[in-house]
């Protein structure tokens, strides 16, 4: 029996470290080569790391939220044969001092999660079991489950702490969740008395460690808001004629073509508007003091997922028609929601659109997707009573909110860009002229 020390691999794109999102194994687990063992987040994307060999987990470095350097040993396996520990005298890597200091700062106010107790061996071997017996967890230990299982449990309003797991260290599988549901278990909701609703005083709290994508979002927003002097500009747009065109195009769209929302029209309006206001289609390197204006119009589409906010990118919108814009936007946003978007899908934007969709709202102050210099927020379109030619009429109105980097975009320039977009959307034929 030997030791196999596995180092965090080079994920590419110049990445030198990764943040642990989730360990998918525990000490004592037996794994096969290519089984998923670790999910790591970098500045570019979230990557699932597979096991390099067959073996049993002997030790692991770090927990969710800790930073691991590329090339540092992150997990050690007990394997048949000599393993690779003899090939290097390098000990199991611990996060370096700077990394340790950062992790300590993040977790200073919350104690680390308790280590899972080892799974006790059964007193006697079971005679040819069909499935492993569910394992109950010790009080205070966290339920182990994959993100997909956790999502199912949330959707079913089931507390995973109440579900017995049959996997290593009590890990909960889909089958365990099915068994729990089939047994009639439900969320821990107090029974309602006849003719009324139970009122229960609550004093509980929950500490949630800010890690993974949520920490990336927090860091990005803080960097953007603290270093960029934002100014915002609001406008309302009459999209009555655009709605008529949209419905006509959807009713007559070619076979296989995507259904059009407002966003593809806004994307095409931005193509024409940004061509006239190139200072708005730019990125600013504030350290070098250089603004780079782009001919390519690569539009980031802010997309909410069950893992947090991502900004997939539709590239070269200037070379697309309305149908291609809709199709590519649908592809990158769906891939992002499914967790399948690659690094190329999530980088390279020159301007960002953020849409609150059905949530609507009258206005917002969107935070710029640094290092870009502007962002356009789109609100829900609703019918309103407005005055036209001295008469009160019903029109479909959409509000737009925009924010700009006032270091490089003057108020006149940002307002002009929005007014150009407004003009194209209110006279949609001009988008295609």
Protein backbone atom coordinates (compact mmCIF):
# COMPACT_ATOMS: atom_id res chain seq x y z
CA UNK A 1 0.00 0.00 0.00
CA UNK A 2 1.40 3.39 -0.99
CA UNK A 3 0.49 7.07 -0.95
CA UNK A 4 -0.56 9.06 -4.03
CA UNK A 5 -0.24 12.82 -3.58
CA UNK A 6 -2.45 14.70 -6.03
CA UNK A 7 -1.57 18.31 -6.86
CA UNK A 8 -4.11 20.89 -8.00
CA UNK A 9 -3.65 20.80 -11.80
CA UNK A 10 -3.00 23.75 -14.09
CA UNK A 11 -6.50 24.72 -15.20
CA UNK A 12 -5.17 27.03 -17.91
CA UNK A 13 -5.83 30.68 -18.86
CA UNK A 14 -3.04 31.84 -16.55
CA UNK A 15 -4.85 30.67 -13.41
CA UNK A 16 -2.46 30.29 -10.45
CA UNK A 17 -4.91 29.45 -7.67
CA UNK A 18 -8.46 28.26 -7.09
CA UNK A 19 -11.04 28.53 -4.35
CA UNK A 20 -12.56 25.34 -2.97
CA UNK A 21 -16.29 25.37 -3.70
CA UNK A 22 -17.09 21.83 -2.53
CA UNK A 23 -15.33 18.63 -1.61
CA UNK A 24 -17.25 15.72 -3.11
CA UNK A 25 -15.40 13.15 -1.03
CA UNK A 26 -14.43 12.68 2.62
CA UNK A 27 -11.56 10.96 4.39
CA UNK A 28 -12.11 7.22 4.18
CA UNK A 29 -14.05 7.32 0.91
CA UNK A 30 -13.08 4.87 -1.82
CA UNK A 31 -12.93 6.45 -5.27
CA UNK A 32 -12.36 5.29 -8.82
CA UNK A 33 -10.27 7.11 -11.40
CA UNK A 34 -12.20 10.03 -12.96
CA UNK A 35 -14.76 10.17 -10.13
CA UNK A 36 -15.42 13.84 -9.26
CA UNK A 37 -13.62 14.76 -6.05
CA UNK A 38 -13.42 18.55 -5.91
CA UNK A 39 -15.11 21.64 -7.33
CA UNK A 40 -12.80 24.66 -7.67
CA UNK A 41 -13.64 28.22 -8.65
CA UNK A 42 -11.15 30.47 -10.43
CA UNK A 43 -11.47 34.01 -11.75
CA UNK A 44 -12.61 32.47 -15.05
CA UNK A 45 -15.01 29.64 -14.23
CA UNK A 46 -15.92 26.78 -11.89
CA UNK A 47 -14.10 23.54 -12.67
CA UNK A 48 -14.79 20.01 -11.44
CA UNK A 49 -11.61 18.08 -10.67
CA UNK A 50 -11.67 14.27 -11.20
CA UNK A 51 -9.76 11.65 -9.22
CA UNK A 52 -6.41 10.79 -10.84
CA UNK A 53 -6.43 7.15 -9.68
CA UNK A 54 -8.27 4.43 -7.80
CA UNK A 55 -7.77 4.60 -4.05
CA UNK A 56 -9.00 5.59 -0.61
CA UNK A 57 -8.93 9.20 0.58
CA UNK A 58 -6.26 9.50 3.28
CA UNK A 59 -6.21 13.27 3.81
CA UNK A 60 -7.39 16.51 2.24
CA UNK A 61 -6.16 20.10 2.35
CA UNK A 62 -8.58 22.96 3.04
CA UNK A 63 -12.34 23.33 3.19
CA UNK A 64 -14.93 25.29 1.23
CA UNK A 65 -13.78 28.89 0.87
CA UNK A 66 -10.05 28.18 1.21
CA UNK A 67 -7.64 29.06 -1.60
CA UNK A 68 -5.39 26.37 -3.08
CA UNK A 69 -2.33 27.17 -5.21
CA UNK A 70 -1.95 25.42 -8.56
CA UNK A 71 0.74 22.76 -8.12
CA UNK A 72 0.12 22.34 -4.40
CA UNK A 73 -0.93 18.95 -3.03
CA UNK A 74 -4.65 19.07 -2.27
CA UNK A 75 -5.50 15.44 -1.51
CA UNK A 76 -3.65 12.21 -0.68
CA UNK A 77 -4.89 8.72 -1.55
CA UNK A 78 -3.96 5.30 -0.20
CA UNK A 79 -3.36 3.21 -3.32
CA UNK A 80 -2.22 -0.24 -4.29
CA UNK A 81 1.48 -0.37 -5.03
CA UNK A 82 4.09 2.27 -4.23
CA UNK A 83 2.09 5.37 -5.20
CA UNK A 84 4.04 8.52 -5.99
CA UNK A 85 4.95 9.84 -2.55
CA UNK A 86 8.47 8.44 -2.93
CA UNK A 87 8.98 10.55 -6.05
CA UNK A 88 9.00 13.78 -4.05
CA UNK A 89 9.95 14.79 -0.59
CA UNK A 90 7.47 17.63 -0.76
CA UNK A 91 5.02 17.42 2.18
CA UNK A 92 1.29 17.81 1.76
CA UNK A 93 0.92 21.46 0.83
CA UNK A 94 -0.83 23.83 3.15
CA UNK A 95 -2.12 27.18 1.86
CA UNK A 96 0.73 29.71 1.99
CA UNK A 97 0.85 32.49 4.57
CA UNK A 98 -0.90 35.06 2.40
CA UNK A 99 -3.62 32.59 1.49
CA UNK A 100 -3.96 31.50 5.13
CA UNK A 101 -4.26 35.13 6.21
CA UNK A 102 -6.98 35.79 3.62
CA UNK A 103 -8.93 32.68 4.60
CA UNK A 104 -8.63 33.63 8.28
CA UNK A 105 -9.91 37.13 7.57
CA UNK A 106 -12.93 35.77 5.72
CA UNK A 107 -13.81 33.27 8.43
CA UNK A 108 -12.81 35.29 11.51
CA UNK A 109 -16.37 35.63 12.71
CA UNK A 110 -17.53 32.09 12.06
CA UNK A 111 -15.94 28.92 13.48
CA UNK A 112 -14.86 26.35 10.93
CA UNK A 113 -17.33 23.61 10.16
CA UNK A 114 -16.73 20.55 12.34
CA UNK A 115 -14.97 17.67 10.68
CA UNK A 116 -17.19 14.75 9.80
CA UNK A 117 -16.76 11.78 12.14
CA UNK A 118 -15.45 8.59 10.57
CA UNK A 119 -18.10 6.16 9.44
CA UNK A 120 -18.26 3.33 12.00
CA UNK A 121 -17.71 -0.09 10.54
CA UNK A 122 -20.72 -2.43 10.80
CA UNK A 123 -20.56 -4.92 13.65
CA UNK A 124 -21.01 -7.81 11.27
CA UNK A 125 -21.11 -8.03 7.47
CA UNK A 126 -24.62 -7.85 6.09
CA UNK A 127 -25.62 -10.80 3.92
CA UNK A 128 -25.55 -9.61 0.30
CA UNK A 129 -27.29 -6.25 0.77
CA UNK A 130 -28.98 -4.75 -2.25
CA UNK A 131 -28.26 -1.18 -1.15
CA UNK A 132 -26.27 0.39 1.66
CA UNK A 133 -28.25 1.05 4.82
CA UNK A 134 -28.89 4.73 5.47
CA UNK A 135 -26.37 6.36 7.79
CA UNK A 136 -27.56 8.80 10.46
CA UNK A 137 -25.27 11.75 11.11
CA UNK A 138 -24.02 12.89 14.48
CA UNK A 139 -25.62 16.04 15.83
CA UNK A 140 -24.03 19.21 14.47
CA UNK A 141 -22.45 17.62 11.40
CA UNK A 142 -23.31 18.90 7.92
CA UNK A 143 -25.24 16.75 5.47
CA UNK A 144 -23.09 15.78 2.49
CA UNK A 145 -24.81 15.99 -0.91
CA UNK A 146 -24.10 17.06 -4.48
CA UNK A 147 -25.37 20.44 -5.74
CA UNK A 148 -28.05 18.64 -7.80
CA UNK A 149 -29.37 16.83 -4.73
CA UNK A 150 -29.36 20.05 -2.73
CA UNK A 151 -31.30 21.81 -5.47
CA UNK A 152 -33.93 19.05 -5.50
CA UNK A 153 -34.23 19.22 -1.73
CA UNK A 154 -34.71 23.00 -1.82
CA UNK A 155 -37.37 22.67 -4.51
CA UNK A 156 -39.19 20.06 -2.40
CA UNK A 157 -38.73 22.14 0.79
CA UNK A 158 -36.88 19.28 2.49
CA UNK A 159 -34.24 19.79 5.17
CA UNK A 160 -31.30 17.57 4.21
CA UNK A 161 -30.33 17.30 7.88
CA UNK A 162 -33.41 15.08 8.28
CA UNK A 163 -32.47 12.76 5.39
CA UNK A 164 -30.46 9.61 6.05
CA UNK A 165 -27.63 9.12 3.57
CA UNK A 166 -26.36 5.77 2.34
CA UNK A 167 -23.14 7.01 0.76
CA UNK A 168 -19.67 7.35 2.29
CA UNK A 169 -19.77 9.42 5.49
CA UNK A 170 -23.57 9.54 5.16
CA UNK A 171 -23.51 11.30 1.80
CA UNK A 172 -27.06 11.75 0.46
CA UNK A 173 -27.83 10.48 -3.03
CA UNK A 174 -30.85 11.00 -5.27
CA UNK A 175 -32.01 7.53 -4.22
CA UNK A 176 -31.82 8.54 -0.54
CA UNK A 177 -33.89 11.62 -1.29
CA UNK A 178 -36.43 9.52 -3.23
CA UNK A 179 -36.64 7.12 -0.28
CA UNK A 180 -37.18 10.01 2.12
CA UNK A 181 -39.96 11.48 -0.03
CA UNK A 182 -41.59 8.09 -0.58
CA UNK A 183 -41.72 7.64 3.19
CA UNK A 184 -44.05 10.60 3.42
CA UNK A 185 -41.47 12.94 4.92
CA UNK A 186 -41.87 16.63 4.28
CA UNK A 187 -40.37 19.85 5.41
CA UNK A 188 -40.37 20.64 9.09
CA UNK A 189 -43.47 22.78 8.97
CA UNK A 190 -45.64 22.92 12.11
CA UNK A 191 -49.11 21.46 11.64
CA UNK A 192 -51.83 24.03 11.24
CA UNK A 193 -54.61 24.09 13.80
CA UNK A 194 -58.16 23.83 12.54
CA UNK A 195 -59.48 27.19 11.43
CA UNK A 196 -56.21 29.08 11.89
CA UNK A 197 -52.51 29.45 11.25
CA UNK A 198 -49.94 28.44 13.84
CA UNK A 199 -47.82 31.32 15.12
CA UNK A 200 -44.44 30.31 16.42
CA UNK A 201 -41.78 32.58 17.89
CA UNK A 202 -38.42 32.14 16.19
CA UNK A 203 -35.01 32.90 17.64
CA UNK A 204 -32.74 30.89 15.36
CA UNK A 205 -29.90 32.31 13.28
CA UNK A 206 -27.88 30.94 10.40
CA UNK A 207 -24.28 31.84 9.62
CA UNK A 208 -23.56 31.62 5.89
CA UNK A 209 -19.94 31.65 4.84
CA UNK A 210 -19.36 33.99 1.89
CA UNK A 211 -17.42 31.74 -0.47
CA UNK A 212 -17.24 30.70 -4.09
CA UNK A 213 -19.17 32.72 -6.62
CA UNK A 214 -20.83 34.84 -3.94
CA UNK A 215 -17.42 36.03 -2.77
CA UNK A 216 -16.31 36.65 -6.36
CA UNK A 217 -19.43 38.75 -6.91
CA UNK A 218 -18.84 40.63 -3.66
CA UNK A 219 -15.21 41.35 -4.54
CA UNK A 220 -16.11 42.42 -8.08
CA UNK A 221 -18.93 44.71 -6.98
CA UNK A 222 -16.78 46.30 -4.27
CA UNK A 223 -13.93 46.88 -6.72
CA UNK A 224 -16.28 48.39 -9.29
CA UNK A 225 -18.25 50.58 -6.92
CA UNK A 226 -15.26 51.79 -4.88
CA UNK A 227 -13.01 52.63 -7.84
CA UNK A 228 -15.47 53.82 -10.50
CA UNK A 229 -17.32 57.14 -10.05
CA UNK A 230 -20.73 56.01 -11.30
CA UNK A 231 -23.37 58.30 -12.68
CA UNK A 232 -26.78 56.98 -13.69
CA UNK A 233 -29.24 58.07 -16.34
CA UNK A 234 -32.88 57.01 -16.72
CA UNK A 235 -35.30 57.12 -19.62
CA UNK A 236 -38.66 55.69 -20.60
CA UNK A 237 -39.28 54.26 -24.04
CA UNK A 238 -42.55 53.81 -25.93
CA UNK A 239 -42.26 50.26 -27.30
CA UNK A 240 -45.81 50.00 -28.64
CA UNK A 241 -44.66 49.72 -32.27
CA UNK A 242 -41.81 47.41 -31.27
CA UNK A 243 -44.27 45.09 -29.52
CA UNK A 244 -46.39 44.95 -32.68
CA UNK A 245 -43.33 44.06 -34.77
CA UNK A 246 -42.14 41.51 -32.21
CA UNK A 247 -45.48 39.70 -32.23
CA UNK A 248 -45.58 39.70 -36.04
CA UNK A 249 -42.06 38.29 -36.32
CA UNK A 250 -42.79 35.59 -33.75
CA UNK A 251 -45.97 34.61 -35.56
CA UNK A 252 -44.14 34.31 -38.89
CA UNK A 253 -40.69 33.21 -37.73
CA UNK A 254 -38.80 30.62 -39.79
CA UNK A 255 -38.93 27.00 -38.68
CA UNK A 256 -36.41 26.40 -35.92
CA UNK A 257 -35.91 30.11 -35.24
CA UNK A 258 -36.02 31.22 -31.59
CA UNK A 259 -38.92 33.20 -30.18
CA UNK A 260 -38.00 36.88 -29.89
CA UNK A 261 -38.05 38.78 -26.61
CA UNK A 262 -37.19 42.47 -26.38
CA UNK A 263 -33.51 41.79 -25.72
CA UNK A 264 -32.45 40.86 -29.29
CA UNK A 265 -33.97 44.16 -30.50
CA UNK A 266 -32.12 46.04 -27.77
CA UNK A 267 -28.91 44.24 -28.74
CA UNK A 268 -29.31 45.30 -32.37
CA UNK A 269 -30.22 48.85 -31.34
CA UNK A 270 -27.02 48.96 -29.27
CA UNK A 271 -25.00 47.86 -32.31
CA UNK A 272 -26.12 50.96 -34.20
CA UNK A 273 -25.95 53.29 -31.18
CA UNK A 274 -22.48 52.17 -30.03
CA UNK A 275 -21.14 52.65 -33.55
CA UNK A 276 -22.05 56.33 -33.15
CA UNK A 277 -20.80 56.52 -29.55
CA UNK A 278 -17.61 54.40 -29.59
CA UNK A 279 -16.47 55.91 -26.28
CA UNK A 280 -19.21 53.83 -24.63
CA UNK A 281 -18.04 50.52 -26.14
CA UNK A 282 -14.76 50.46 -24.29
CA UNK A 283 -12.80 49.12 -21.35
CA UNK A 284 -10.64 51.21 -19.02
CA UNK A 285 -7.33 50.01 -17.59
CA UNK A 286 -7.16 52.42 -14.67
CA UNK A 287 -3.68 51.24 -13.61
CA UNK A 288 -2.20 51.96 -17.04
CA UNK A 289 -4.49 54.94 -17.64
CA UNK A 290 -5.56 53.58 -21.03
CA UNK A 291 -9.05 53.42 -22.54
CA UNK A 292 -9.41 50.76 -25.25
CA UNK A 293 -12.30 51.31 -27.64
CA UNK A 294 -13.52 48.18 -29.42
CA UNK A 295 -14.91 47.80 -32.91
CA UNK A 296 -16.36 44.42 -31.95
CA UNK A 297 -19.57 44.65 -29.96
CA UNK A 298 -19.45 41.85 -27.42
CA UNK A 299 -22.49 42.13 -25.18
CA UNK A 300 -22.49 40.64 -21.71
CA UNK A 301 -25.94 39.42 -20.64
CA UNK A 302 -26.29 39.40 -16.84
CA UNK A 303 -27.84 36.00 -16.02
CA UNK A 304 -29.16 34.81 -12.68
CA UNK A 305 -28.50 31.15 -11.91
CA UNK A 306 -29.06 28.98 -8.84
CA UNK A 307 -25.31 29.41 -8.19
CA UNK A 308 -25.35 33.21 -8.39
CA UNK A 309 -24.98 35.92 -11.02
CA UNK A 310 -22.93 35.26 -14.16
CA UNK A 311 -22.36 37.39 -17.26
CA UNK A 312 -22.12 35.20 -20.38
CA UNK A 313 -21.10 37.04 -23.54
CA UNK A 314 -22.66 37.21 -27.00
CA UNK A 315 -19.68 38.04 -29.19
CA UNK A 316 -19.66 40.02 -32.44
CA UNK A 317 -23.29 41.06 -32.31
CA UNK A 318 -22.44 43.54 -35.08
CA UNK A 319 -22.12 40.56 -37.44
CA UNK A 320 -25.50 39.04 -36.49
CA UNK A 321 -29.09 39.55 -37.55
CA UNK A 322 -32.00 39.59 -35.11
CA UNK A 323 -32.49 35.81 -35.23
CA UNK A 324 -28.80 35.03 -34.75
CA UNK A 325 -28.67 37.45 -31.81
CA UNK A 326 -31.60 35.69 -30.15
CA UNK A 327 -30.20 32.21 -30.81
CA UNK A 328 -26.72 32.97 -29.49
CA UNK A 329 -28.07 34.78 -26.46
CA UNK A 330 -30.25 31.75 -25.72
CA UNK A 331 -27.29 29.41 -26.11
CA UNK A 332 -24.87 31.19 -23.78
CA UNK A 333 -27.45 31.98 -21.11
CA UNK A 334 -28.80 28.43 -21.04
CA UNK A 335 -25.29 26.96 -20.93
CA UNK A 336 -24.56 29.27 -18.01
CA UNK A 337 -27.68 28.23 -16.11
CA UNK A 338 -26.80 24.58 -16.73
CA UNK A 339 -23.24 25.11 -15.48
CA UNK A 340 -21.79 24.16 -18.87
CA UNK A 341 -20.54 27.57 -20.07
CA UNK A 342 -16.84 27.57 -20.92
CA UNK A 343 -14.28 30.25 -20.19
CA UNK A 344 -14.73 31.74 -23.67
CA UNK A 345 -18.48 32.11 -23.06
CA UNK A 346 -17.88 34.08 -19.84
CA UNK A 347 -15.14 36.52 -20.87
CA UNK A 348 -14.47 39.27 -23.38
CA UNK A 349 -17.51 41.55 -23.02
CA UNK A 350 -17.24 45.22 -24.03
CA UNK A 351 -20.67 46.36 -22.78
CA UNK A 352 -23.27 44.72 -20.52
CA UNK A 353 -27.06 44.49 -20.49
CA UNK A 354 -28.84 43.63 -17.26
CA UNK A 355 -32.55 42.86 -17.33
CA UNK A 356 -34.89 42.58 -14.38
CA UNK A 357 -37.40 40.91 -16.68
CA UNK A 358 -40.77 40.24 -15.12
CA UNK A 359 -39.67 41.81 -11.83
CA UNK A 360 -39.97 45.12 -13.62
CA UNK A 361 -39.36 48.09 -11.36
CA UNK A 362 -39.31 51.76 -12.28
CA UNK A 363 -35.57 52.25 -12.10
CA UNK A 364 -32.28 50.96 -10.75
CA UNK A 365 -28.63 52.00 -10.51
CA UNK A 366 -26.79 49.03 -12.05
CA UNK A 367 -23.14 48.59 -11.11
CA UNK A 368 -20.71 48.63 -14.02
CA UNK A 369 -19.13 45.32 -15.04
CA UNK A 370 -15.52 46.44 -14.57
CA UNK A 371 -13.40 47.18 -16.65
CA UNK A 372 -16.24 48.21 -18.98
CA UNK A 373 -17.37 51.85 -18.87
CA UNK A 374 -21.15 51.45 -19.13
CA UNK A 375 -24.10 49.18 -18.43
CA UNK A 376 -27.73 49.29 -19.57
CA UNK A 377 -30.57 48.09 -17.32
CA UNK A 378 -33.84 47.00 -18.93
CA UNK A 379 -37.14 46.97 -17.04
CA UNK A 380 -40.46 45.32 -17.74
CA UNK A 381 -42.75 46.83 -20.42
CA UNK A 382 -46.27 47.70 -19.25
CA UNK A 383 -49.28 49.50 -20.64
CA UNK A 384 -49.68 53.01 -19.22
CA UNK A 385 -51.88 56.02 -19.78
CA UNK A 386 -49.80 58.70 -21.54
CA UNK A 387 -50.52 61.99 -23.29
CA UNK A 388 -49.97 62.07 -27.06
CA UNK A 389 -51.06 65.04 -29.16
CA UNK A 390 -53.13 66.37 -26.29
CA UNK A 391 -55.01 63.08 -25.83
CA UNK A 392 -54.73 60.45 -23.09
CA UNK A 393 -53.98 57.14 -24.76
CA UNK A 394 -52.72 53.72 -23.66
CA UNK A 395 -49.18 52.89 -24.76
CA UNK A 396 -46.67 50.19 -23.86
CA UNK A 397 -43.80 51.80 -21.94
CA UNK A 398 -40.44 50.36 -20.93
CA UNK A 399 -37.98 52.05 -18.56
CA UNK A 400 -34.22 51.99 -19.13
CA UNK A 401 -31.60 52.59 -16.45
CA UNK A 402 -27.95 53.11 -17.28
CA UNK A 403 -24.72 53.68 -15.34
CA UNK A 404 -21.47 55.12 -16.65
CA UNK A 405 -17.84 55.53 -15.63
CA UNK A 406 -17.62 59.30 -15.25
CA UNK A 407 -13.82 59.21 -15.53
CA UNK A 408 -14.03 58.46 -19.24
CA UNK A 409 -17.71 58.91 -20.22
CA UNK A 410 -19.19 62.39 -19.92
CA UNK A 411 -22.83 62.84 -18.96
CA UNK A 412 -23.68 64.03 -22.46
CA UNK A 413 -22.13 60.93 -24.03
CA UNK A 414 -23.94 58.44 -21.78
CA UNK A 415 -27.27 60.25 -22.20
CA UNK A 416 -26.79 60.43 -25.96
CA UNK A 417 -26.24 56.68 -26.16
CA UNK A 418 -29.48 56.01 -24.29
CA UNK A 419 -31.37 58.50 -26.46
CA UNK A 420 -30.10 56.75 -29.59
CA UNK A 421 -31.29 53.39 -28.25
CA UNK A 422 -34.64 54.98 -27.38
CA UNK A 423 -35.02 56.34 -30.91
CA UNK A 424 -34.30 52.97 -32.52
CA UNK A 425 -36.69 51.11 -30.23
CA UNK A 426 -39.51 53.62 -30.71
CA UNK A 427 -39.06 53.46 -34.51
CA UNK A 428 -38.05 49.79 -34.85
CA UNK A 429 -37.82 49.84 -38.66
CA UNK A 430 -34.71 52.02 -38.28
CA UNK A 431 -32.94 49.17 -36.46
CA UNK A 432 -32.85 47.31 -39.77
CA UNK A 433 -32.06 50.25 -42.07
